[in-house]
Amino acid sequence: MSKIVHTDTAPAAIGPYSQAVVCGSLVFTSGQIAINPQSGQVEATDIVGQTEQVMKNLGEVLTAAGSAYEKAVKTTCYLADMADFAAFNEIYGRYFVGKPARSCVAVKTLPKNVLVEVDVIAEI
């Protein structure tokens, strides 16, 4: 049986989905973008600021699910521009020190025209 995860310390879903779902001993997060949960807006305009906000949002969702960055086993990262990869990767590496498996792809457009989105599968 799965359990839906919700926390007010991360942005609310902007569609018909959950922030995360726990199934067995794993949590599957939805993709997090750079929305500040207090304002409900995308405040940062650069890849560094947006990546920091995404990582904070993921941390809040992982915590609400009973997990943490170091328990991540797989991430999927979406960048609006692969030219931002080095800056994104530097910040990503500060949070995911356990080096989970990862896919990173460039996409044409992301929700709210953000520059980055990341989802995580982690152990509880």
PDB file of N, CA and C in Angstrom:
ATOM      1  N   MET A   1       0.840  -1.179   0.000  1.00  0.00           N
ATOM      2  CA  MET A   1       0.000   0.000   0.000  1.00  0.00           C
ATOM      3  C   MET A   1       0.885   1.242   0.000  1.00  0.00           C
ATOM      4  N   SER A   2       0.544   2.209  -0.823  1.00  0.00           N
ATOM      5  CA  SER A   2       1.336   3.432  -0.893  1.00  0.00           C
ATOM      6  C   SER A   2       0.723   4.529  -0.031  1.00  0.00           C
ATOM      7  N   LYS A   3       1.574   5.514   0.303  1.00  0.00           N
ATOM      8  CA  LYS A   3       1.154   6.634   1.149  1.00  0.00           C
ATOM      9  C   LYS A   3       1.556   7.931   0.473  1.00  0.00           C
ATOM     10  N   ILE A   4       0.620   8.847   0.363  1.00  0.00           N
ATOM     11  CA  ILE A   4       0.895  10.144  -0.232  1.00  0.00           C
ATOM     12  C   ILE A   4       1.607  11.022   0.798  1.00  0.00           C
ATOM     13  N   VAL A   5       2.628  11.745   0.333  1.00  0.00           N
ATOM     14  CA  VAL A   5       3.403  12.638   1.185  1.00  0.00           C
ATOM     15  C   VAL A   5       3.041  14.080   0.844  1.00  0.00           C
ATOM     16  N   HIS A   6       2.811  14.884   1.872  1.00  0.00           N
ATOM     17  CA  HIS A   6       2.565  16.311   1.685  1.00  0.00           C
ATOM     18  C   HIS A   6       3.236  17.078   2.816  1.00  0.00           C
ATOM     19  N   THR A   7       3.855  18.188   2.460  1.00  0.00           N
ATOM     20  CA  THR A   7       4.398  19.107   3.452  1.00  0.00           C
ATOM     21  C   THR A   7       4.152  20.534   2.986  1.00  0.00           C
ATOM     22  N   ASP A   8       3.841  21.406   3.925  1.00  0.00           N
ATOM     23  CA  ASP A   8       3.652  22.822   3.609  1.00  0.00           C
ATOM     24  C   ASP A   8       4.983  23.554   3.458  1.00  0.00           C
ATOM     25  N   THR A   9       6.098  22.883   3.780  1.00  0.00           N
ATOM     26  CA  THR A   9       7.419  23.520   3.675  1.00  0.00           C
ATOM     27  C   THR A   9       8.041  23.356   2.295  1.00  0.00           C
ATOM     28  N   ALA A  10       7.299  22.754   1.369  1.00  0.00           N
ATOM     29  CA  ALA A  10       7.696  22.659  -0.039  1.00  0.00           C
ATOM     30  C   ALA A  10       6.509  23.137  -0.856  1.00  0.00           C
ATOM     31  N   PRO A  11       6.742  23.540  -2.099  1.00  0.00           N
ATOM     32  CA  PRO A  11       5.638  24.032  -2.917  1.00  0.00           C
ATOM     33  C   PRO A  11       4.537  22.986  -3.090  1.00  0.00           C
ATOM     34  N   ALA A  12       3.304  23.459  -3.064  1.00  0.00           N
ATOM     35  CA  ALA A  12       2.175  22.576  -3.328  1.00  0.00           C
ATOM     36  C   ALA A  12       2.225  22.130  -4.786  1.00  0.00           C
ATOM     37  N   ALA A  13       1.684  20.973  -5.065  1.00  0.00           N
ATOM     38  CA  ALA A  13       1.609  20.479  -6.440  1.00  0.00           C
ATOM     39  C   ALA A  13       0.826  21.473  -7.290  1.00  0.00           C
ATOM     40  N   ILE A  14       1.281  21.697  -8.518  1.00  0.00           N
ATOM     41  CA  ILE A  14       0.581  22.626  -9.413  1.00  0.00           C
ATOM     42  C   ILE A  14      -0.275  21.867 -10.422  1.00  0.00           C
ATOM     43  N   GLY A  15      -0.614  20.641 -10.074  1.00  0.00           N
ATOM     44  CA  GLY A  15      -1.445  19.809 -10.939  1.00  0.00           C
ATOM     45  C   GLY A  15      -1.991  18.642 -10.158  1.00  0.00           C
ATOM     46  N   PRO A  16      -2.557  17.669 -10.841  1.00  0.00           N
ATOM     47  CA  PRO A  16      -3.163  16.511 -10.167  1.00  0.00           C
ATOM     48  C   PRO A  16      -2.129  15.430  -9.834  1.00  0.00           C
ATOM     49  N   TYR A  17      -1.248  15.759  -8.913  1.00  0.00           N
ATOM     50  CA  TYR A  17      -0.211  14.823  -8.468  1.00  0.00           C
ATOM     51  C   TYR A  17       0.185  15.145  -7.040  1.00  0.00           C
ATOM     52  N   SER A  18       0.987  14.276  -6.441  1.00  0.00           N
ATOM     53  CA  SER A  18       1.451  14.444  -5.066  1.00  0.00           C
ATOM     54  C   SER A  18       2.895  14.923  -5.058  1.00  0.00           C
ATOM     55  N   GLN A  19       3.305  15.542  -3.958  1.00  0.00           N
ATOM     56  CA  GLN A  19       4.709  15.929  -3.814  1.00  0.00           C
ATOM     57  C   GLN A  19       5.600  14.691  -3.823  1.00  0.00           C
ATOM     58  N   ALA A  20       5.098  13.602  -3.245  1.00  0.00           N
ATOM     59  CA  ALA A  20       5.832  12.334  -3.222  1.00  0.00           C
ATOM     60  C   ALA A  20       4.874  11.222  -2.828  1.00  0.00           C
ATOM     61  N   VAL A  21       5.307  10.003  -3.103  1.00  0.00           N
ATOM     62  CA  VAL A  21       4.563   8.810  -2.699  1.00  0.00           C
ATOM     63  C   VAL A  21       5.563   7.833  -2.101  1.00  0.00           C
ATOM     64  N   VAL A  22       5.208   7.289  -0.926  1.00  0.00           N
ATOM     65  CA  VAL A  22       6.003   6.238  -0.311  1.00  0.00           C
ATOM     66  C   VAL A  22       5.366   4.910  -0.688  1.00  0.00           C
ATOM     67  N   CYS A  23       6.183   4.007  -1.205  1.00  0.00           N
ATOM     68  CA  CYS A  23       5.729   2.665  -1.572  1.00  0.00           C
ATOM     69  C   CYS A  23       6.758   1.680  -1.029  1.00  0.00           C
ATOM     70  N   GLY A  24       6.342   0.874  -0.071  1.00  0.00           N
ATOM     71  CA  GLY A  24       7.294  -0.038   0.567  1.00  0.00           C
ATOM     72  C   GLY A  24       8.363   0.759   1.289  1.00  0.00           C
ATOM     73  N   SER A  25       9.613   0.474   0.985  1.00  0.00           N
ATOM     74  CA  SER A  25      10.723   1.160   1.645  1.00  0.00           C
ATOM     75  C   SER A  25      11.327   2.265   0.781  1.00  0.00           C
ATOM     76  N   LEU A  26      10.586   2.685  -0.249  1.00  0.00           N
ATOM     77  CA  LEU A  26      11.086   3.728  -1.146  1.00  0.00           C
ATOM     78  C   LEU A  26      10.140   4.920  -1.185  1.00  0.00           C
ATOM     79  N   VAL A  27      10.719   6.100  -1.402  1.00  0.00           N
ATOM     80  CA  VAL A  27       9.930   7.301  -1.663  1.00  0.00           C
ATOM     81  C   VAL A  27      10.261   7.763  -3.077  1.00  0.00           C
ATOM     82  N   PHE A  28       9.209   8.124  -3.802  1.00  0.00           N
ATOM     83  CA  PHE A  28       9.318   8.635  -5.169  1.00  0.00           C
ATOM     84  C   PHE A  28       8.829  10.080  -5.141  1.00  0.00           C
ATOM     85  N   THR A  29       9.739  11.032  -5.330  1.00  0.00           N
ATOM     86  CA  THR A  29       9.301  12.422  -5.317  1.00  0.00           C
ATOM     87  C   THR A  29       8.837  12.823  -6.707  1.00  0.00           C
ATOM     88  N   SER A  30       7.927  13.770  -6.746  1.00  0.00           N
ATOM     89  CA  SER A  30       7.609  14.413  -8.010  1.00  0.00           C
ATOM     90  C   SER A  30       8.738  15.386  -8.303  1.00  0.00           C
ATOM     91  N   GLY A  31       8.830  15.803  -9.543  1.00  0.00           N
ATOM     92  CA  GLY A  31       9.850  16.780  -9.896  1.00  0.00           C
ATOM     93  C   GLY A  31       9.629  18.071  -9.132  1.00  0.00           C
ATOM     94  N   GLN A  32      10.691  18.593  -8.571  1.00  0.00           N
ATOM     95  CA  GLN A  32      10.627  19.865  -7.857  1.00  0.00           C
ATOM     96  C   GLN A  32      11.253  20.944  -8.723  1.00  0.00           C
ATOM     97  N   ILE A  33      10.569  22.089  -8.770  1.00  0.00           N
ATOM     98  CA  ILE A  33      11.103  23.242  -9.478  1.00  0.00           C
ATOM     99  C   ILE A  33      11.383  24.344  -8.458  1.00  0.00           C
ATOM    100  N   ALA A  34      11.852  25.478  -8.935  1.00  0.00           N
ATOM    101  CA  ALA A  34      12.369  26.526  -8.053  1.00  0.00           C
ATOM    102  C   ALA A  34      11.291  27.460  -7.506  1.00  0.00           C
ATOM    103  N   ILE A  35      10.173  26.918  -7.095  1.00  0.00           N
ATOM    104  CA  ILE A  35       9.140  27.738  -6.464  1.00  0.00           C
ATOM    105  C   ILE A  35       9.471  27.884  -4.985  1.00  0.00           C
ATOM    106  N   ASN A  36       9.462  29.115  -4.501  1.00  0.00           N
ATOM    107  CA  ASN A  36       9.632  29.372  -3.081  1.00  0.00           C
ATOM    108  C   ASN A  36       8.298  29.050  -2.412  1.00  0.00           C
ATOM    109  N   PRO A  37       8.265  28.109  -1.450  1.00  0.00           N
ATOM    110  CA  PRO A  37       6.983  27.724  -0.862  1.00  0.00           C
ATOM    111  C   PRO A  37       6.299  28.840  -0.071  1.00  0.00           C
ATOM    112  N   GLN A  38       7.056  29.815   0.427  1.00  0.00           N
ATOM    113  CA  GLN A  38       6.445  30.917   1.176  1.00  0.00           C
ATOM    114  C   GLN A  38       5.700  31.874   0.247  1.00  0.00           C
ATOM    115  N   SER A  39       6.298  32.186  -0.887  1.00  0.00           N
ATOM    116  CA  SER A  39       5.675  33.156  -1.802  1.00  0.00           C
ATOM    117  C   SER A  39       4.840  32.487  -2.886  1.00  0.00           C
ATOM    118  N   GLY A  40       5.132  31.207  -3.153  1.00  0.00           N
ATOM    119  CA  GLY A  40       4.446  30.519  -4.243  1.00  0.00           C
ATOM    120  C   GLY A  40       4.940  30.942  -5.613  1.00  0.00           C
ATOM    121  N   GLN A  41       6.061  31.642  -5.652  1.00  0.00           N
ATOM    122  CA  GLN A  41       6.600  32.171  -6.902  1.00  0.00           C
ATOM    123  C   GLN A  41       8.015  31.666  -7.168  1.00  0.00           C
ATOM    124  N   VAL A  42       8.396  31.713  -8.433  1.00  0.00           N
ATOM    125  CA  VAL A  42       9.787  31.474  -8.816  1.00  0.00           C
ATOM    126  C   VAL A  42      10.493  32.812  -8.630  1.00  0.00           C
ATOM    127  N   GLU A  43      11.426  32.859  -7.695  1.00  0.00           N
ATOM    128  CA  GLU A  43      12.081  34.128  -7.379  1.00  0.00           C
ATOM    129  C   GLU A  43      13.450  34.262  -8.024  1.00  0.00           C
ATOM    130  N   ALA A  44      14.211  33.175  -8.075  1.00  0.00           N
ATOM    131  CA  ALA A  44      15.556  33.233  -8.666  1.00  0.00           C
ATOM    132  C   ALA A  44      15.443  33.187 -10.185  1.00  0.00           C
ATOM    133  N   THR A  45      16.300  33.916 -10.852  1.00  0.00           N
ATOM    134  CA  THR A  45      16.270  33.944 -12.318  1.00  0.00           C
ATOM    135  C   THR A  45      17.471  33.251 -12.947  1.00  0.00           C
ATOM    136  N   ASP A  46      18.439  32.833 -12.125  1.00  0.00           N
ATOM    137  CA  ASP A  46      19.637  32.185 -12.648  1.00  0.00           C
ATOM    138  C   ASP A  46      19.681  30.721 -12.213  1.00  0.00           C
ATOM    139  N   ILE A  47      20.516  29.942 -12.864  1.00  0.00           N
ATOM    140  CA  ILE A  47      20.588  28.498 -12.589  1.00  0.00           C
ATOM    141  C   ILE A  47      21.064  28.226 -11.164  1.00  0.00           C
ATOM    142  N   VAL A  48      21.964  29.024 -10.637  1.00  0.00           N
ATOM    143  CA  VAL A  48      22.472  28.808  -9.282  1.00  0.00           C
ATOM    144  C   VAL A  48      21.344  28.979  -8.264  1.00  0.00           C
ATOM    145  N   GLY A  49      20.656  30.101  -8.310  1.00  0.00           N
ATOM    146  CA  GLY A  49      19.564  30.352  -7.373  1.00  0.00           C
ATOM    147  C   GLY A  49      18.431  29.356  -7.521  1.00  0.00           C
ATOM    148  N   GLN A  50      18.104  29.006  -8.766  1.00  0.00           N
ATOM    149  CA  GLN A  50      17.025  28.038  -8.976  1.00  0.00           C
ATOM    150  C   GLN A  50      17.420  26.651  -8.496  1.00  0.00           C
ATOM    151  N   THR A  51      18.651  26.241  -8.731  1.00  0.00           N
ATOM    152  CA  THR A  51      19.084  24.919  -8.272  1.00  0.00           C
ATOM    153  C   THR A  51      19.076  24.850  -6.752  1.00  0.00           C
ATOM    154  N   GLU A  52      19.531  25.901  -6.091  1.00  0.00           N
ATOM    155  CA  GLU A  52      19.496  25.933  -4.621  1.00  0.00           C
ATOM    156  C   GLU A  52      18.063  25.770  -4.120  1.00  0.00           C
ATOM    157  N   GLN A  53      17.101  26.464  -4.735  1.00  0.00           N
ATOM    158  CA  GLN A  53      15.711  26.362  -4.301  1.00  0.00           C
ATOM    159  C   GLN A  53      15.159  24.968  -4.558  1.00  0.00           C
ATOM    160  N   VAL A  54      15.499  24.385  -5.700  1.00  0.00           N
ATOM    161  CA  VAL A  54      15.060  23.017  -6.005  1.00  0.00           C
ATOM    162  C   VAL A  54      15.586  22.050  -4.948  1.00  0.00           C
ATOM    163  N   MET A  55      16.856  22.177  -4.583  1.00  0.00           N
ATOM    164  CA  MET A  55      17.442  21.275  -3.589  1.00  0.00           C
ATOM    165  C   MET A  55      16.776  21.457  -2.222  1.00  0.00           C
ATOM    166  N   LYS A  56      16.487  22.687  -1.846  1.00  0.00           N
ATOM    167  CA  LYS A  56      15.772  22.924  -0.583  1.00  0.00           C
ATOM    168  C   LYS A  56      14.394  22.262  -0.618  1.00  0.00           C
ATOM    169  N   ASN A  57      13.687  22.436  -1.726  1.00  0.00           N
ATOM    170  CA  ASN A  57      12.354  21.833  -1.859  1.00  0.00           C
ATOM    171  C   ASN A  57      12.427  20.315  -1.777  1.00  0.00           C
ATOM    172  N   LEU A  58      13.394  19.722  -2.475  1.00  0.00           N
ATOM    173  CA  LEU A  58      13.554  18.264  -2.410  1.00  0.00           C
ATOM    174  C   LEU A  58      13.857  17.806  -0.992  1.00  0.00           C
ATOM    175  N   GLY A  59      14.711  18.532  -0.297  1.00  0.00           N
ATOM    176  CA  GLY A  59      15.048  18.179   1.079  1.00  0.00           C
ATOM    177  C   GLY A  59      13.821  18.169   1.976  1.00  0.00           C
ATOM    178  N   GLU A  60      12.947  19.139   1.809  1.00  0.00           N
ATOM    179  CA  GLU A  60      11.723  19.207   2.615  1.00  0.00           C
ATOM    180  C   GLU A  60      10.798  18.027   2.310  1.00  0.00           C
ATOM    181  N   VAL A  61      10.668  17.684   1.046  1.00  0.00           N
ATOM    182  CA  VAL A  61       9.805  16.556   0.672  1.00  0.00           C
ATOM    183  C   VAL A  61      10.407  15.243   1.172  1.00  0.00           C
ATOM    184  N   LEU A  62      11.716  15.076   1.017  1.00  0.00           N
ATOM    185  CA  LEU A  62      12.370  13.862   1.510  1.00  0.00           C
ATOM    186  C   LEU A  62      12.204  13.736   3.028  1.00  0.00           C
ATOM    187  N   THR A  63      12.394  14.825   3.746  1.00  0.00           N
ATOM    188  CA  THR A  63      12.224  14.805   5.203  1.00  0.00           C
ATOM    189  C   THR A  63      10.794  14.422   5.579  1.00  0.00           C
ATOM    190  N   ALA A  64       9.826  15.001   4.906  1.00  0.00           N
ATOM    191  CA  ALA A  64       8.422  14.694   5.197  1.00  0.00           C
ATOM    192  C   ALA A  64       8.105  13.222   4.954  1.00  0.00           C
ATOM    193  N   ALA A  65       8.853  12.609   4.047  1.00  0.00           N
ATOM    194  CA  ALA A  65       8.648  11.191   3.737  1.00  0.00           C
ATOM    195  C   ALA A  65       9.456  10.275   4.651  1.00  0.00           C
ATOM    196  N   GLY A  66      10.297  10.845   5.517  1.00  0.00           N
ATOM    197  CA  GLY A  66      11.137  10.038   6.400  1.00  0.00           C
ATOM    198  C   GLY A  66      12.441   9.622   5.757  1.00  0.00           C
ATOM    199  N   SER A  67      12.888  10.400   4.780  1.00  0.00           N
ATOM    200  CA  SER A  67      14.116  10.077   4.061  1.00  0.00           C
ATOM    201  C   SER A  67      15.062  11.275   4.106  1.00  0.00           C
ATOM    202  N   ALA A  68      16.112  11.230   3.283  1.00  0.00           N
ATOM    203  CA  ALA A  68      17.112  12.296   3.251  1.00  0.00           C
ATOM    204  C   ALA A  68      17.941  12.163   1.976  1.00  0.00           C
ATOM    205  N   TYR A  69      18.686  13.220   1.654  1.00  0.00           N
ATOM    206  CA  TYR A  69      19.533  13.199   0.458  1.00  0.00           C
ATOM    207  C   TYR A  69      20.442  11.972   0.400  1.00  0.00           C
ATOM    208  N   GLU A  70      21.042  11.632   1.551  1.00  0.00           N
ATOM    209  CA  GLU A  70      22.020  10.536   1.564  1.00  0.00           C
ATOM    210  C   GLU A  70      21.375   9.167   1.330  1.00  0.00           C
ATOM    211  N   LYS A  71      20.051   9.103   1.351  1.00  0.00           N
ATOM    212  CA  LYS A  71      19.349   7.851   1.086  1.00  0.00           C
ATOM    213  C   LYS A  71      18.872   7.745  -0.359  1.00  0.00           C
ATOM    214  N   ALA A  72      19.212   8.748  -1.173  1.00  0.00           N
ATOM    215  CA  ALA A  72      18.805   8.744  -2.585  1.00  0.00           C
ATOM    216  C   ALA A  72      19.496   7.619  -3.339  1.00  0.00           C
ATOM    217  N   VAL A  73      18.733   6.944  -4.190  1.00  0.00           N
ATOM    218  CA  VAL A  73      19.304   5.893  -5.027  1.00  0.00           C
ATOM    219  C   VAL A  73      19.279   6.263  -6.508  1.00  0.00           C
ATOM    220  N   LYS A  74      18.384   7.204  -6.900  1.00  0.00           N
ATOM    221  CA  LYS A  74      18.290   7.597  -8.314  1.00  0.00           C
ATOM    222  C   LYS A  74      17.686   8.986  -8.406  1.00  0.00           C
ATOM    223  N   THR A  75      18.256   9.820  -9.256  1.00  0.00           N
ATOM    224  CA  THR A  75      17.678  11.129  -9.537  1.00  0.00           C
ATOM    225  C   THR A  75      17.514  11.277 -11.042  1.00  0.00           C
ATOM    226  N   THR A  76      16.564  12.100 -11.413  1.00  0.00           N
ATOM    227  CA  THR A  76      16.426  12.508 -12.810  1.00  0.00           C
ATOM    228  C   THR A  76      16.415  14.028 -12.804  1.00  0.00           C
ATOM    229  N   CYS A  77      17.281  14.598 -13.622  1.00  0.00           N
ATOM    230  CA  CYS A  77      17.474  16.041 -13.657  1.00  0.00           C
ATOM    231  C   CYS A  77      17.140  16.560 -15.051  1.00  0.00           C
ATOM    232  N   TYR A  78      16.408  17.646 -15.090  1.00  0.00           N
ATOM    233  CA  TYR A  78      15.985  18.246 -16.353  1.00  0.00           C
ATOM    234  C   TYR A  78      16.506  19.675 -16.389  1.00  0.00           C
ATOM    235  N   LEU A  79      17.246  20.004 -17.434  1.00  0.00           N
ATOM    236  CA  LEU A  79      17.788  21.352 -17.592  1.00  0.00           C
ATOM    237  C   LEU A  79      17.209  21.981 -18.855  1.00  0.00           C
ATOM    238  N   ALA A  80      16.860  23.249 -18.771  1.00  0.00           N
ATOM    239  CA  ALA A  80      16.365  23.955 -19.947  1.00  0.00           C
ATOM    240  C   ALA A  80      17.508  24.248 -20.922  1.00  0.00           C
ATOM    241  N   ASP A  81      18.749  24.267 -20.408  1.00  0.00           N
ATOM    242  CA  ASP A  81      19.909  24.567 -21.242  1.00  0.00           C
ATOM    243  C   ASP A  81      21.123  23.794 -20.712  1.00  0.00           C
ATOM    244  N   MET A  82      21.667  22.908 -21.509  1.00  0.00           N
ATOM    245  CA  MET A  82      22.819  22.108 -21.077  1.00  0.00           C
ATOM    246  C   MET A  82      24.042  22.977 -20.814  1.00  0.00           C
ATOM    247  N   ALA A  83      24.036  24.211 -21.271  1.00  0.00           N
ATOM    248  CA  ALA A  83      25.136  25.128 -20.949  1.00  0.00           C
ATOM    249  C   ALA A  83      25.184  25.413 -19.447  1.00  0.00           C
ATOM    250  N   ASP A  84      24.082  25.161 -18.740  1.00  0.00           N
ATOM    251  CA  ASP A  84      24.020  25.362 -17.292  1.00  0.00           C
ATOM    252  C   ASP A  84      24.503  24.144 -16.507  1.00  0.00           C
ATOM    253  N   PHE A  85      24.923  23.097 -17.195  1.00  0.00           N
ATOM    254  CA  PHE A  85      25.255  21.834 -16.530  1.00  0.00           C
ATOM    255  C   PHE A  85      26.326  21.995 -15.446  1.00  0.00           C
ATOM    256  N   ALA A  86      27.415  22.671 -15.726  1.00  0.00           N
ATOM    257  CA  ALA A  86      28.519  22.775 -14.756  1.00  0.00           C
ATOM    258  C   ALA A  86      28.051  23.472 -13.476  1.00  0.00           C
ATOM    259  N   ALA A  87      27.347  24.584 -13.604  1.00  0.00           N
ATOM    260  CA  ALA A  87      26.861  25.302 -12.423  1.00  0.00           C
ATOM    261  C   ALA A  87      25.849  24.456 -11.652  1.00  0.00           C
ATOM    262  N   PHE A  88      24.936  23.806 -12.382  1.00  0.00           N
ATOM    263  CA  PHE A  88      23.961  22.918 -11.747  1.00  0.00           C
ATOM    264  C   PHE A  88      24.675  21.785 -11.013  1.00  0.00           C
ATOM    265  N   ASN A  89      25.610  21.146 -11.682  1.00  0.00           N
ATOM    266  CA  ASN A  89      26.304  19.978 -11.147  1.00  0.00           C
ATOM    267  C   ASN A  89      27.062  20.303  -9.861  1.00  0.00           C
ATOM    268  N   GLU A  90      27.645  21.488  -9.807  1.00  0.00           N
ATOM    269  CA  GLU A  90      28.390  21.896  -8.601  1.00  0.00           C
ATOM    270  C   GLU A  90      27.461  21.960  -7.384  1.00  0.00           C
ATOM    271  N   ILE A  91      26.287  22.544  -7.538  1.00  0.00           N
ATOM    272  CA  ILE A  91      25.330  22.642  -6.424  1.00  0.00           C
ATOM    273  C   ILE A  91      24.735  21.276  -6.116  1.00  0.00           C
ATOM    274  N   TYR A  92      24.347  20.546  -7.134  1.00  0.00           N
ATOM    275  CA  TYR A  92      23.795  19.198  -6.975  1.00  0.00           C
ATOM    276  C   TYR A  92      24.750  18.338  -6.142  1.00  0.00           C
ATOM    277  N   GLY A  93      26.040  18.408  -6.434  1.00  0.00           N
ATOM    278  CA  GLY A  93      27.048  17.603  -5.743  1.00  0.00           C
ATOM    279  C   GLY A  93      27.181  17.919  -4.266  1.00  0.00           C
ATOM    280  N   ARG A  94      26.828  19.128  -3.855  1.00  0.00           N
ATOM    281  CA  ARG A  94      26.867  19.492  -2.436  1.00  0.00           C
ATOM    282  C   ARG A  94      25.751  18.809  -1.652  1.00  0.00           C
ATOM    283  N   TYR A  95      24.666  18.508  -2.311  1.00  0.00           N
ATOM    284  CA  TYR A  95      23.513  17.894  -1.646  1.00  0.00           C
ATOM    285  C   TYR A  95      23.540  16.367  -1.761  1.00  0.00           C
ATOM    286  N   PHE A  96      23.820  15.857  -2.943  1.00  0.00           N
ATOM    287  CA  PHE A  96      23.801  14.411  -3.170  1.00  0.00           C
ATOM    288  C   PHE A  96      25.221  13.847  -3.085  1.00  0.00           C
ATOM    289  N   VAL A  97      25.799  13.909  -1.870  1.00  0.00           N
ATOM    290  CA  VAL A  97      27.177  13.470  -1.656  1.00  0.00           C
ATOM    291  C   VAL A  97      27.322  11.954  -1.769  1.00  0.00           C
ATOM    292  N   GLY A  98      26.225  11.212  -1.643  1.00  0.00           N
ATOM    293  CA  GLY A  98      26.268   9.756  -1.771  1.00  0.00           C
ATOM    294  C   GLY A  98      26.336   9.280  -3.208  1.00  0.00           C
ATOM    295  N   LYS A  99      26.277  10.212  -4.159  1.00  0.00           N
ATOM    296  CA  LYS A  99      26.387   9.925  -5.589  1.00  0.00           C
ATOM    297  C   LYS A  99      25.398   8.859  -6.064  1.00  0.00           C
ATOM    298  N   PRO A 100      24.090   9.152  -5.977  1.00  0.00           N
ATOM    299  CA  PRO A 100      23.105   8.198  -6.492  1.00  0.00           C
ATOM    300  C   PRO A 100      23.209   8.097  -8.017  1.00  0.00           C
ATOM    301  N   ALA A 101      22.599   7.064  -8.577  1.00  0.00           N
ATOM    302  CA  ALA A 101      22.502   6.977 -10.035  1.00  0.00           C
ATOM    303  C   ALA A 101      21.736   8.210 -10.514  1.00  0.00           C
ATOM    304  N   ARG A 102      22.051   8.671 -11.732  1.00  0.00           N
ATOM    305  CA  ARG A 102      21.423   9.906 -12.205  1.00  0.00           C
ATOM    306  C   ARG A 102      21.269   9.908 -13.713  1.00  0.00           C
ATOM    307  N   SER A 103      20.176  10.476 -14.158  1.00  0.00           N
ATOM    308  CA  SER A 103      19.990  10.835 -15.560  1.00  0.00           C
ATOM    309  C   SER A 103      19.867  12.346 -15.594  1.00  0.00           C
ATOM    310  N   CYS A 104      20.444  12.983 -16.595  1.00  0.00           N
ATOM    311  CA  CYS A 104      20.343  14.433 -16.740  1.00  0.00           C
ATOM    312  C   CYS A 104      20.102  14.727 -18.213  1.00  0.00           C
ATOM    313  N   VAL A 105      18.992  15.372 -18.498  1.00  0.00           N
ATOM    314  CA  VAL A 105      18.624  15.637 -19.883  1.00  0.00           C
ATOM    315  C   VAL A 105      18.259  17.104 -20.073  1.00  0.00           C
ATOM    316  N   ALA A 106      18.450  17.578 -21.284  1.00  0.00           N
ATOM    317  CA  ALA A 106      17.992  18.916 -21.648  1.00  0.00           C
ATOM    318  C   ALA A 106      16.584  18.789 -22.212  1.00  0.00           C
ATOM    319  N   VAL A 107      15.737  19.718 -21.833  1.00  0.00           N
ATOM    320  CA  VAL A 107      14.360  19.723 -22.307  1.00  0.00           C
ATOM    321  C   VAL A 107      14.043  21.095 -22.898  1.00  0.00           C
ATOM    322  N   LYS A 108      13.046  21.132 -23.746  1.00  0.00           N
ATOM    323  CA  LYS A 108      12.698  22.384 -24.411  1.00  0.00           C
ATOM    324  C   LYS A 108      12.128  23.420 -23.441  1.00  0.00           C
ATOM    325  N   THR A 109      11.188  22.991 -22.611  1.00  0.00           N
ATOM    326  CA  THR A 109      10.534  23.908 -21.671  1.00  0.00           C
ATOM    327  C   THR A 109      10.153  23.158 -20.414  1.00  0.00           C
ATOM    328  N   LEU A 110      10.250  23.825 -19.288  1.00  0.00           N
ATOM    329  CA  LEU A 110       9.837  23.272 -17.995  1.00  0.00           C
ATOM    330  C   LEU A 110       8.677  24.096 -17.453  1.00  0.00           C
ATOM    331  N   PRO A 111       7.915  23.535 -16.492  1.00  0.00           N
ATOM    332  CA  PRO A 111       6.803  24.295 -15.924  1.00  0.00           C
ATOM    333  C   PRO A 111       7.258  25.657 -15.392  1.00  0.00           C
ATOM    334  N   LYS A 112       6.420  26.652 -15.587  1.00  0.00           N
ATOM    335  CA  LYS A 112       6.685  28.029 -15.120  1.00  0.00           C
ATOM    336  C   LYS A 112       7.954  28.606 -15.739  1.00  0.00           C
ATOM    337  N   ASN A 113       8.429  27.991 -16.836  1.00  0.00           N
ATOM    338  CA  ASN A 113       9.633  28.439 -17.546  1.00  0.00           C
ATOM    339  C   ASN A 113      10.883  28.465 -16.680  1.00  0.00           C
ATOM    340  N   VAL A 114      10.950  27.541 -15.699  1.00  0.00           N
ATOM    341  CA  VAL A 114      12.140  27.458 -14.862  1.00  0.00           C
ATOM    342  C   VAL A 114      13.293  26.856 -15.651  1.00  0.00           C
ATOM    343  N   LEU A 115      14.466  26.894 -15.062  1.00  0.00           N
ATOM    344  CA  LEU A 115      15.677  26.401 -15.719  1.00  0.00           C
ATOM    345  C   LEU A 115      16.022  24.971 -15.341  1.00  0.00           C
ATOM    346  N   VAL A 116      15.448  24.455 -14.224  1.00  0.00           N
ATOM    347  CA  VAL A 116      15.840  23.134 -13.724  1.00  0.00           C
ATOM    348  C   VAL A 116      14.679  22.485 -12.970  1.00  0.00           C
ATOM    349  N   GLU A 117      14.608  21.159 -13.081  1.00  0.00           N
ATOM    350  CA  GLU A 117      13.668  20.343 -12.312  1.00  0.00           C
ATOM    351  C   GLU A 117      14.380  19.048 -11.948  1.00  0.00           C
ATOM    352  N   VAL A 118      14.145  18.549 -10.734  1.00  0.00           N
ATOM    353  CA  VAL A 118      14.793  17.313 -10.277  1.00  0.00           C
ATOM    354  C   VAL A 118      13.778  16.457  -9.523  1.00  0.00           C
ATOM    355  N   ASP A 119      13.787  15.147  -9.802  1.00  0.00           N
ATOM    356  CA  ASP A 119      13.011  14.212  -8.985  1.00  0.00           C
ATOM    357  C   ASP A 119      13.947  13.152  -8.439  1.00  0.00           C
ATOM    358  N   VAL A 120      13.500  12.491  -7.364  1.00  0.00           N
ATOM    359  CA  VAL A 120      14.370  11.576  -6.619  1.00  0.00           C
ATOM    360  C   VAL A 120      13.610  10.299  -6.252  1.00  0.00           C
ATOM    361  N   ILE A 121      14.314   9.194  -6.280  1.00  0.00           N
ATOM    362  CA  ILE A 121      13.866   7.956  -5.662  1.00  0.00           C
ATOM    363  C   ILE A 121      14.851   7.695  -4.537  1.00  0.00           C
ATOM    364  N   ALA A 122      14.328   7.493  -3.327  1.00  0.00           N
ATOM    365  CA  ALA A 122      15.207   7.305  -2.159  1.00  0.00           C
ATOM    366  C   ALA A 122      14.644   6.235  -1.233  1.00  0.00           C
ATOM    367  N   GLU A 123      15.531   5.675  -0.441  1.00  0.00           N
ATOM    368  CA  GLU A 123      15.111   4.736   0.595  1.00  0.00           C
ATOM    369  C   GLU A 123      14.558   5.493   1.791  1.00  0.00           C
ATOM    370  N   ILE A 124      13.702   4.833   2.528  1.00  0.00           N
ATOM    371  CA  ILE A 124      13.143   5.433   3.741  1.00  0.00           C
ATOM    372  C   ILE A 124      14.083   5.104   4.903  1.00  0.00           C
TER     373      ILE A 124
END
